[in-house]
Amino acid sequence: MKDNIKSVINYNEVLETDSWNSIKMFKINAGKAILPTGKIVVGDPFLIYRKKPLKKSILPGEYDIELSFIDHPTAGKRVAFARLIINHDKAKYWELALMGEEDLESVKEGEFFGFPVDAGLACFVDYQTCEEFNQAMDKLEERIKNSNYYDDVLAAEFKDNCFDKEDPKDIGDWVNHRFDPEKNQNIVIFSSGFGDGIYPVYWGVDENEQLTSLLIDFLTLDLE
């Protein structure tokens, strides 16, 4: 019986380059994800209500979030990969990050389980913090009828992190959002490549079978 699914792609090369198939690439650091439990939820930030964390967890702590962008000739700057860095050891292979309920026997080579995106956004957040973030969104709705958490709270933060503040079309691609300034917790939210879809998440595993990072592939590049 299968207990994991290894990616046919080795992501090390694309994560270390500044160009892929003539498409320019660059990275930014989106700050640290605060993980008080080490149990990680990955998903669309508006679709993670009562979502379970990944089956594998890491030590509680604060971990850098690295966003790898492509500078597409027609689509512009897009987040191609989002990575939570556990350490800087090189991954020997990449395996699907699962929640433990998937039927692995049904998956054929090259297929994957992924998470759905419907708002053009994805996130890394601690399982405990995820519940409190959802409560914060509910409280805003209770306080302000017909409120919209993105428009009313997040949009300004996204704009603060945009590449060109003079460009009205540049609405920003990421936020390191602290929804309760009195608590040491956050949710790191970023745009999902070309938009909505189903996207895979992978653990990087080193030669000692230890986790090195957690990666979302937004399927913007042909890697095979």
Protein backbone atom coordinates (compact mmCIF):
# COMPACT_ATOMS: atom_id res chain seq x y z
CA MET A 1 0.00 0.00 0.00
CA LYS A 2 1.30 3.45 -0.92
CA ASP A 3 2.17 5.77 1.95
CA ASN A 4 3.30 8.72 -0.17
CA ILE A 5 3.47 9.95 -3.75
CA LYS A 6 6.78 11.31 -5.01
CA SER A 7 6.78 14.07 -7.59
CA VAL A 8 8.23 13.27 -10.98
CA ILE A 9 9.70 16.79 -10.85
CA ASN A 10 12.78 17.79 -8.91
CA TYR A 11 12.07 21.38 -7.93
CA ASN A 12 15.61 22.21 -6.84
CA GLU A 13 16.69 23.41 -10.28
CA VAL A 14 13.80 25.79 -10.88
CA LEU A 15 14.03 27.16 -7.34
CA GLU A 16 17.69 28.05 -7.85
CA THR A 17 17.51 29.67 -11.29
CA ASP A 18 16.72 33.21 -12.43
CA SER A 19 15.25 32.06 -15.76
CA TRP A 20 13.20 29.12 -17.04
CA ASN A 21 12.53 28.58 -20.73
CA SER A 22 13.48 32.22 -21.35
CA ILE A 23 11.01 33.45 -18.68
CA LYS A 24 12.70 35.61 -16.06
CA MET A 25 12.31 34.62 -12.42
CA PHE A 26 13.01 36.32 -9.11
CA LYS A 27 12.28 35.76 -5.42
CA ILE A 28 11.04 37.82 -2.50
CA ASN A 29 10.83 37.05 1.20
CA ALA A 30 7.28 37.48 2.52
CA GLY A 31 8.37 37.42 6.15
CA LYS A 32 7.89 34.61 8.60
CA ALA A 33 4.96 32.31 9.21
CA ILE A 34 4.35 31.92 12.94
CA LEU A 35 3.46 28.30 13.72
CA PRO A 36 2.59 27.86 17.41
CA THR A 37 1.57 24.21 16.92
CA GLY A 38 3.61 23.27 13.85
CA LYS A 39 0.45 21.92 12.24
CA ILE A 40 0.06 23.61 8.87
CA VAL A 41 -3.04 24.48 6.88
CA VAL A 42 -2.58 25.24 3.19
CA GLY A 43 -5.41 26.55 1.04
CA ASP A 44 -7.44 29.45 -0.27
CA PRO A 45 -7.75 31.75 2.79
CA PHE A 46 -11.48 32.06 2.19
CA LEU A 47 -11.98 28.29 1.91
CA ILE A 48 -10.19 27.07 5.05
CA TYR A 49 -13.12 27.09 7.45
CA ARG A 50 -12.72 23.95 9.59
CA LYS A 51 -10.02 22.68 7.23
CA LYS A 52 -7.77 19.99 8.64
CA PRO A 53 -4.00 20.47 8.73
CA LEU A 54 -1.50 18.43 6.77
CA LYS A 55 -0.84 15.00 8.24
CA LYS A 56 2.84 15.71 8.78
CA SER A 57 3.78 18.54 11.11
CA ILE A 58 6.98 20.38 11.99
CA LEU A 59 8.39 21.85 15.18
CA PRO A 60 6.58 24.96 16.43
CA GLY A 61 8.44 28.12 15.48
CA GLU A 62 8.75 30.88 12.90
CA TYR A 63 9.63 29.99 9.31
CA ASP A 64 10.58 32.13 6.31
CA ILE A 65 8.15 32.28 3.41
CA GLU A 66 9.78 32.58 -0.01
CA LEU A 67 7.76 33.54 -3.08
CA SER A 68 9.22 32.74 -6.50
CA PHE A 69 7.86 34.96 -9.25
CA ILE A 70 7.91 34.65 -12.98
CA ASP A 71 7.93 37.81 -15.10
CA HIS A 72 5.73 36.56 -17.92
CA PRO A 73 5.94 38.46 -21.24
CA THR A 74 2.14 38.83 -21.48
CA ALA A 75 0.74 38.02 -18.02
CA GLY A 76 3.27 40.05 -16.04
CA LYS A 77 4.60 39.17 -12.60
CA ARG A 78 3.00 36.05 -11.16
CA VAL A 79 3.72 33.90 -8.12
CA ALA A 80 4.96 30.58 -9.49
CA PHE A 81 5.92 28.89 -6.22
CA ALA A 82 5.37 29.60 -2.53
CA ARG A 83 7.73 27.88 -0.13
CA LEU A 84 7.82 27.58 3.65
CA ILE A 85 11.48 27.01 4.46
CA ILE A 86 12.17 24.62 7.33
CA ASN A 87 15.92 24.57 6.75
CA HIS A 88 18.33 25.12 3.87
CA ASP A 89 19.28 21.50 3.26
CA LYS A 90 18.71 20.40 -0.33
CA ALA A 91 15.75 18.14 -0.99
CA LYS A 92 16.60 14.73 -2.41
CA TYR A 93 13.01 14.31 -3.57
CA TRP A 94 9.58 15.93 -3.27
CA GLU A 95 6.47 14.14 -2.05
CA LEU A 96 2.84 15.23 -1.99
CA ALA A 97 1.84 16.89 1.28
CA LEU A 98 -1.32 15.07 2.28
CA MET A 99 -3.97 15.28 5.00
CA GLY A 100 -4.11 11.52 5.45
CA GLU A 101 -7.56 10.88 4.01
CA GLU A 102 -6.61 10.55 0.35
CA ASP A 103 -6.93 7.32 -1.63
CA LEU A 104 -3.35 7.00 -2.83
CA GLU A 105 -4.02 3.81 -4.77
CA SER A 106 -6.22 5.74 -7.19
CA VAL A 107 -3.47 8.15 -8.25
CA LYS A 108 -1.62 7.48 -11.49
CA GLU A 109 1.87 8.71 -12.35
CA GLY A 110 1.90 12.45 -12.93
CA GLU A 111 -1.41 12.99 -11.10
CA PHE A 112 -1.75 14.74 -7.76
CA PHE A 113 -4.06 15.70 -4.93
CA GLY A 114 -4.29 19.46 -4.54
CA PHE A 115 -6.27 22.21 -2.87
CA PRO A 116 -8.90 24.36 -4.60
CA VAL A 117 -8.53 28.10 -5.14
CA ASP A 118 -11.60 30.21 -5.87
CA ALA A 119 -10.44 33.69 -4.83
CA GLY A 120 -7.11 33.79 -6.68
CA LEU A 121 -5.30 33.49 -3.34
CA ALA A 122 -3.54 30.86 -1.25
CA CYS A 123 -1.99 30.83 2.20
CA PHE A 124 0.18 29.18 4.82
CA VAL A 125 -1.24 29.31 8.35
CA ASP A 126 -0.96 27.40 11.59
CA TYR A 127 -3.93 25.15 12.39
CA GLN A 128 -4.67 26.99 15.64
CA THR A 129 -4.34 30.38 13.99
CA CYS A 130 -6.57 29.25 11.12
CA GLU A 131 -9.52 28.86 13.48
CA GLU A 132 -8.93 32.30 14.97
CA PHE A 133 -8.60 33.88 11.51
CA ASN A 134 -11.97 32.47 10.52
CA GLN A 135 -13.43 33.86 13.74
CA ALA A 136 -11.99 37.28 12.90
CA MET A 137 -13.71 37.21 9.49
CA ASP A 138 -16.98 36.20 11.16
CA LYS A 139 -16.69 39.03 13.67
CA LEU A 140 -16.21 41.56 10.88
CA GLU A 141 -19.38 40.30 9.20
CA GLU A 142 -21.27 40.57 12.50
CA ARG A 143 -20.00 44.11 13.05
CA ILE A 144 -20.46 45.41 9.51
CA LYS A 145 -23.30 44.06 7.44
CA ASN A 146 -22.32 43.02 3.88
CA SER A 147 -18.64 43.45 4.71
CA ASN A 148 -15.94 41.83 2.61
CA TYR A 149 -12.76 40.88 4.42
CA TYR A 150 -10.60 41.23 1.34
CA ASP A 151 -11.96 44.63 0.30
CA ASP A 152 -12.33 46.03 3.81
CA VAL A 153 -9.13 44.71 5.41
CA LEU A 154 -6.68 42.96 3.10
CA ALA A 155 -6.76 45.12 -0.04
CA ALA A 156 -4.84 48.01 1.53
CA GLU A 157 -2.19 45.65 2.90
CA PHE A 158 -1.79 44.00 -0.50
CA LYS A 159 -1.38 47.42 -2.13
CA ASP A 160 1.36 48.30 0.37
CA ASN A 161 3.36 45.36 -0.95
CA CYS A 162 2.80 45.96 -4.67
CA PHE A 163 5.68 46.53 -7.07
CA ASP A 164 4.44 49.86 -8.45
CA LYS A 165 2.23 51.94 -6.14
CA GLU A 166 1.57 54.39 -8.99
CA ASP A 167 0.00 51.66 -11.12
CA PRO A 168 -3.70 51.22 -10.26
CA LYS A 169 -3.64 47.76 -11.86
CA ASP A 170 -0.91 46.59 -9.48
CA ILE A 171 -2.96 45.49 -6.48
CA GLY A 172 -0.15 43.55 -4.83
CA ASP A 173 0.62 39.86 -4.58
CA TRP A 174 1.11 39.07 -0.91
CA VAL A 175 0.49 40.04 2.71
CA ASN A 176 1.87 38.88 6.03
CA HIS A 177 -1.37 39.53 7.84
CA ARG A 178 -1.68 40.00 11.59
CA PHE A 179 -5.42 40.12 12.19
CA ASP A 180 -5.05 40.54 15.97
CA PRO A 181 -2.23 42.93 16.90
CA GLU A 182 -2.40 41.78 20.52
CA LYS A 183 -1.38 38.21 19.63
CA ASN A 184 1.78 36.79 18.10
CA GLN A 185 0.05 35.09 15.18
CA ASN A 186 -0.32 35.62 11.46
CA ILE A 187 -1.44 34.22 8.14
CA VAL A 188 0.72 34.64 5.03
CA ILE A 189 -1.47 35.12 1.94
CA PHE A 190 -0.32 35.36 -1.67
CA SER A 191 -1.75 35.34 -5.18
CA SER A 192 -2.08 31.97 -6.87
CA GLY A 193 -0.21 32.06 -10.16
CA PHE A 194 -2.63 32.71 -13.02
CA GLY A 195 -5.68 32.53 -10.73
CA ASP A 196 -8.16 29.88 -9.65
CA GLY A 197 -7.53 26.15 -9.98
CA ILE A 198 -6.33 23.07 -8.13
CA TYR A 199 -2.74 23.23 -6.94
CA PRO A 200 -0.38 20.60 -5.49
CA VAL A 201 1.65 20.94 -2.31
CA TYR A 202 4.92 19.08 -1.76
CA TRP A 203 7.27 18.37 1.11
CA GLY A 204 10.94 18.59 0.23
CA VAL A 205 12.71 15.59 1.82
CA ASP A 206 16.47 15.41 2.26
CA GLU A 207 18.86 12.45 2.07
CA ASN A 208 18.23 11.71 5.76
CA GLU A 209 14.47 11.57 5.19
CA GLN A 210 13.97 14.88 7.03
CA LEU A 211 11.61 17.62 5.84
CA THR A 212 13.37 20.67 4.40
CA SER A 213 10.50 22.81 3.06
CA LEU A 214 6.86 22.92 2.04
CA LEU A 215 6.17 24.01 -1.54
CA ILE A 216 3.07 25.06 -3.49
CA ASP A 217 3.38 24.78 -7.27
CA PHE A 218 0.96 27.14 -9.04
CA LEU A 219 1.57 25.37 -12.34
CA THR A 220 2.75 28.44 -14.22
CA LEU A 221 5.76 26.73 -15.81
CA ASP A 222 6.25 23.64 -17.94
CA LEU A 223 8.68 21.68 -15.78
CA GLU A 224 8.54 18.25 -17.43
